[in-house]
Amino acid sequence: MKKYLLATTAVMVSVMSAQAQYRPAGGEKNLELMMAPLGGSPLSMGGIKLRKWDSATSAKRLAVFLGYSNESTITQDENSQIQQSELKDTESGISVSLQLGIEKHKAGTERLSPYMGGYVDLSFGTSNKKEETQGPANKVGYTQTKGADLGVGVNAVAGFDYYFAKSIYLGTELGFGLAAK
């Protein structure tokens, strides 16, 4: 009976050790939700990133960001005694960014995966600004300015991922880059 218990324990330990591979070995795909907790909007999502692992030390990355902003500011309050209408300025915009790159992971620990890499950033944005004005006979008019821009950038990054369990990790990344619009 003791031999059977010892053999069963040895098999379970070896199976559990074989499944203790936290870091990707190659062939896996990860989907990340990127957040910036130390930024101006700590609970905003910074995009979605897909990583495809070619090997245990090399991954390709594709990140996508879609953004929309809409802000309205009252520039003049309504006053019926002097026939003054409420006026406001409205600014809105849409931004789309696509980032293609690579990561080279270094030897860390079983759970810690430090890396360096880079990516190319392609972006497109639109803007719309509308400013209301009060004309003769208390009529409200406006001027509208629309714009669009294309951008390209190159970025170098360094970071690390800490694996809590297989495919569950928390990571951080620092980057430096150049961009032109």
Protein backbone atom coordinates (compact mmCIF):
# COMPACT_ATOMS: atom_id res chain seq x y z
CA MET A 1 0.00 0.00 0.00
CA LYS A 2 2.85 2.37 0.85
CA LYS A 3 4.50 1.68 -2.52
CA TYR A 4 1.23 2.47 -4.33
CA LEU A 5 0.81 5.74 -2.37
CA LEU A 6 4.44 6.71 -3.02
CA ALA A 7 4.12 5.95 -6.76
CA THR A 8 0.87 7.93 -7.03
CA THR A 9 2.42 10.90 -5.22
CA ALA A 10 5.47 10.82 -7.52
CA VAL A 11 3.25 10.79 -10.64
CA MET A 12 1.12 13.70 -9.34
CA VAL A 13 4.20 15.77 -8.48
CA SER A 14 5.70 15.18 -11.94
CA VAL A 15 2.42 16.08 -13.67
CA MET A 16 2.04 19.24 -11.58
CA SER A 17 5.68 20.18 -12.29
CA ALA A 18 5.10 19.72 -16.02
CA GLN A 19 2.09 22.08 -15.87
CA ALA A 20 4.03 24.71 -13.89
CA GLN A 21 5.17 26.38 -17.15
CA TYR A 22 3.94 29.92 -16.57
CA ARG A 23 5.74 31.74 -19.38
CA PRO A 24 4.74 31.03 -23.00
CA ALA A 25 6.80 28.37 -24.75
CA GLY A 26 5.87 29.29 -28.33
CA GLY A 27 2.75 29.02 -30.47
CA GLU A 28 0.47 30.71 -27.92
CA LYS A 29 -1.59 33.84 -28.51
CA ASN A 30 -2.35 36.41 -25.79
CA LEU A 31 -4.96 39.14 -25.80
CA GLU A 32 -4.15 42.09 -23.51
CA LEU A 33 -6.25 44.93 -22.22
CA MET A 34 -3.90 47.89 -21.82
CA MET A 35 -4.51 50.42 -19.05
CA ALA A 36 -2.58 53.42 -17.75
CA PRO A 37 -3.24 53.64 -13.99
CA LEU A 38 -0.70 56.45 -13.49
CA GLY A 39 -2.03 58.57 -16.37
CA GLY A 40 -4.50 61.44 -16.38
CA SER A 41 -7.49 59.05 -16.57
CA PRO A 42 -6.50 56.05 -14.44
CA LEU A 43 -9.52 53.90 -15.28
CA SER A 44 -9.43 54.42 -19.02
CA MET A 45 -8.46 51.60 -21.33
CA GLY A 46 -5.42 52.28 -23.51
CA GLY A 47 -6.25 49.75 -26.21
CA ILE A 48 -6.15 46.06 -26.99
CA LYS A 49 -2.98 44.16 -27.88
CA LEU A 50 -2.57 40.71 -29.43
CA ARG A 51 0.73 38.86 -29.01
CA LYS A 52 1.60 35.80 -31.08
CA TRP A 53 4.51 33.83 -29.65
CA ASP A 54 6.90 32.43 -32.27
CA SER A 55 9.11 30.91 -29.55
CA ALA A 56 9.70 31.26 -25.80
CA THR A 57 11.82 34.37 -26.45
CA SER A 58 10.13 36.03 -29.45
CA ALA A 59 6.66 37.49 -29.94
CA LYS A 60 4.93 39.57 -32.61
CA ARG A 61 2.51 42.22 -31.40
CA LEU A 62 -0.46 44.05 -32.86
CA ALA A 63 -2.19 46.78 -30.84
CA VAL A 64 -5.35 48.70 -31.74
CA PHE A 65 -6.73 51.84 -30.14
CA LEU A 66 -10.06 53.49 -30.94
CA GLY A 67 -10.88 56.78 -29.25
CA TYR A 68 -13.68 59.32 -29.23
CA SER A 69 -13.86 62.63 -27.42
CA ASN A 70 -16.64 65.19 -27.15
CA GLU A 71 -16.41 68.31 -25.00
CA SER A 72 -18.77 71.25 -24.73
CA THR A 73 -18.03 74.56 -22.99
CA ILE A 74 -20.57 77.32 -22.33
CA THR A 75 -19.03 80.65 -23.36
CA GLN A 76 -22.05 82.91 -22.70
CA ASP A 77 -24.99 82.45 -20.33
CA GLU A 78 -28.55 83.16 -21.41
CA ASN A 79 -30.04 86.46 -20.19
CA SER A 80 -33.55 87.28 -21.44
CA GLN A 81 -33.48 90.84 -20.02
CA ILE A 82 -30.77 91.95 -22.42
CA GLN A 83 -31.72 89.46 -25.16
CA GLN A 84 -28.59 87.39 -24.77
CA SER A 85 -28.62 83.74 -25.88
CA GLU A 86 -26.62 80.89 -24.43
CA LEU A 87 -23.54 80.20 -26.54
CA LYS A 88 -21.20 77.25 -26.40
CA ASP A 89 -18.14 75.83 -28.06
CA THR A 90 -18.10 72.14 -28.94
CA GLU A 91 -15.03 70.07 -29.78
CA SER A 92 -15.12 66.43 -30.84
CA GLY A 93 -12.69 63.98 -32.35
CA ILE A 94 -12.10 60.40 -33.37
CA SER A 95 -8.72 58.68 -33.28
CA VAL A 96 -7.60 55.28 -34.55
CA SER A 97 -4.15 53.81 -33.99
CA LEU A 98 -2.57 50.58 -35.21
CA GLN A 99 0.76 49.40 -33.79
CA LEU A 100 2.81 46.57 -35.34
CA GLY A 101 5.95 45.31 -33.61
CA ILE A 102 8.13 42.64 -32.05
CA GLU A 103 9.28 41.70 -28.54
CA LYS A 104 12.43 39.82 -27.55
CA HIS A 105 12.08 38.22 -24.11
CA LYS A 106 15.14 37.62 -21.96
CA ALA A 107 15.88 34.97 -19.36
CA GLY A 108 14.14 35.96 -16.16
CA THR A 109 12.60 33.58 -13.72
CA GLU A 110 9.86 31.02 -14.04
CA ARG A 111 7.27 33.79 -13.55
CA LEU A 112 9.09 37.00 -14.54
CA SER A 113 9.61 37.72 -18.25
CA PRO A 114 11.63 40.88 -19.04
CA TYR A 115 11.64 42.04 -22.67
CA MET A 116 12.76 44.70 -25.14
CA GLY A 117 11.29 45.47 -28.52
CA GLY A 118 9.85 48.03 -30.82
CA TYR A 119 6.85 48.89 -32.93
CA VAL A 120 5.66 51.11 -35.75
CA ASP A 121 2.62 53.27 -34.96
CA LEU A 122 0.18 54.28 -37.70
CA SER A 123 -2.56 56.70 -36.66
CA PHE A 124 -5.49 58.61 -38.10
CA GLY A 125 -7.54 61.30 -36.39
CA THR A 126 -10.37 63.71 -37.12
CA SER A 127 -11.39 66.85 -35.29
CA ASN A 128 -14.46 69.05 -35.40
CA LYS A 129 -14.74 72.41 -33.61
CA LYS A 130 -17.95 74.44 -33.55
CA GLU A 131 -18.05 77.95 -32.00
CA GLU A 132 -21.42 79.65 -31.58
CA THR A 133 -21.77 83.43 -31.97
CA GLN A 134 -24.67 85.81 -31.41
CA GLY A 135 -25.53 87.98 -34.38
CA PRO A 136 -28.06 90.73 -35.05
CA ALA A 137 -31.67 90.22 -33.94
CA ASN A 138 -30.52 87.69 -31.30
CA LYS A 139 -29.81 85.03 -33.93
CA VAL A 140 -27.25 82.38 -33.06
CA GLY A 141 -24.75 81.48 -35.75
CA TYR A 142 -21.61 79.42 -35.67
CA THR A 143 -18.26 78.85 -37.26
CA GLN A 144 -17.10 75.32 -37.78
CA THR A 145 -13.57 74.01 -38.27
CA LYS A 146 -12.92 70.42 -39.36
CA GLY A 147 -9.61 68.66 -39.68
CA ALA A 148 -7.96 65.30 -40.14
CA ASP A 149 -4.42 64.04 -39.74
CA LEU A 150 -2.32 61.00 -40.49
CA GLY A 151 0.61 60.03 -38.34
CA VAL A 152 3.47 57.58 -38.28
CA GLY A 153 5.85 56.80 -35.45
CA VAL A 154 8.64 54.47 -34.39
CA ASN A 155 8.93 53.39 -30.74
CA ALA A 156 11.40 51.38 -28.65
CA VAL A 157 9.98 49.63 -25.57
CA ALA A 158 11.22 47.73 -22.54
CA GLY A 159 9.11 46.03 -19.91
CA PHE A 160 8.30 42.89 -18.03
CA ASP A 161 5.40 40.52 -17.45
CA TYR A 162 4.86 38.74 -14.13
CA TYR A 163 2.85 35.51 -14.46
CA PHE A 164 0.51 34.67 -11.58
CA ALA A 165 -0.71 31.53 -13.34
CA LYS A 166 -0.54 30.13 -16.86
CA SER A 167 -1.65 32.92 -19.25
CA ILE A 168 -2.54 35.29 -16.38
CA TYR A 169 -0.03 38.08 -15.93
CA LEU A 170 0.43 41.71 -15.04
CA GLY A 171 2.99 43.73 -16.91
CA THR A 172 4.45 47.17 -17.31
CA GLU A 173 6.18 48.85 -20.20
CA LEU A 174 8.24 51.97 -20.84
CA GLY A 175 8.72 53.38 -24.27
CA PHE A 176 10.49 56.11 -26.19
CA GLY A 177 9.69 57.08 -29.74
CA LEU A 178 9.48 59.56 -32.55
CA ALA A 179 6.29 60.53 -34.36
CA ALA A 180 5.31 62.78 -37.26
CA LYS A 181 1.86 64.02 -38.27
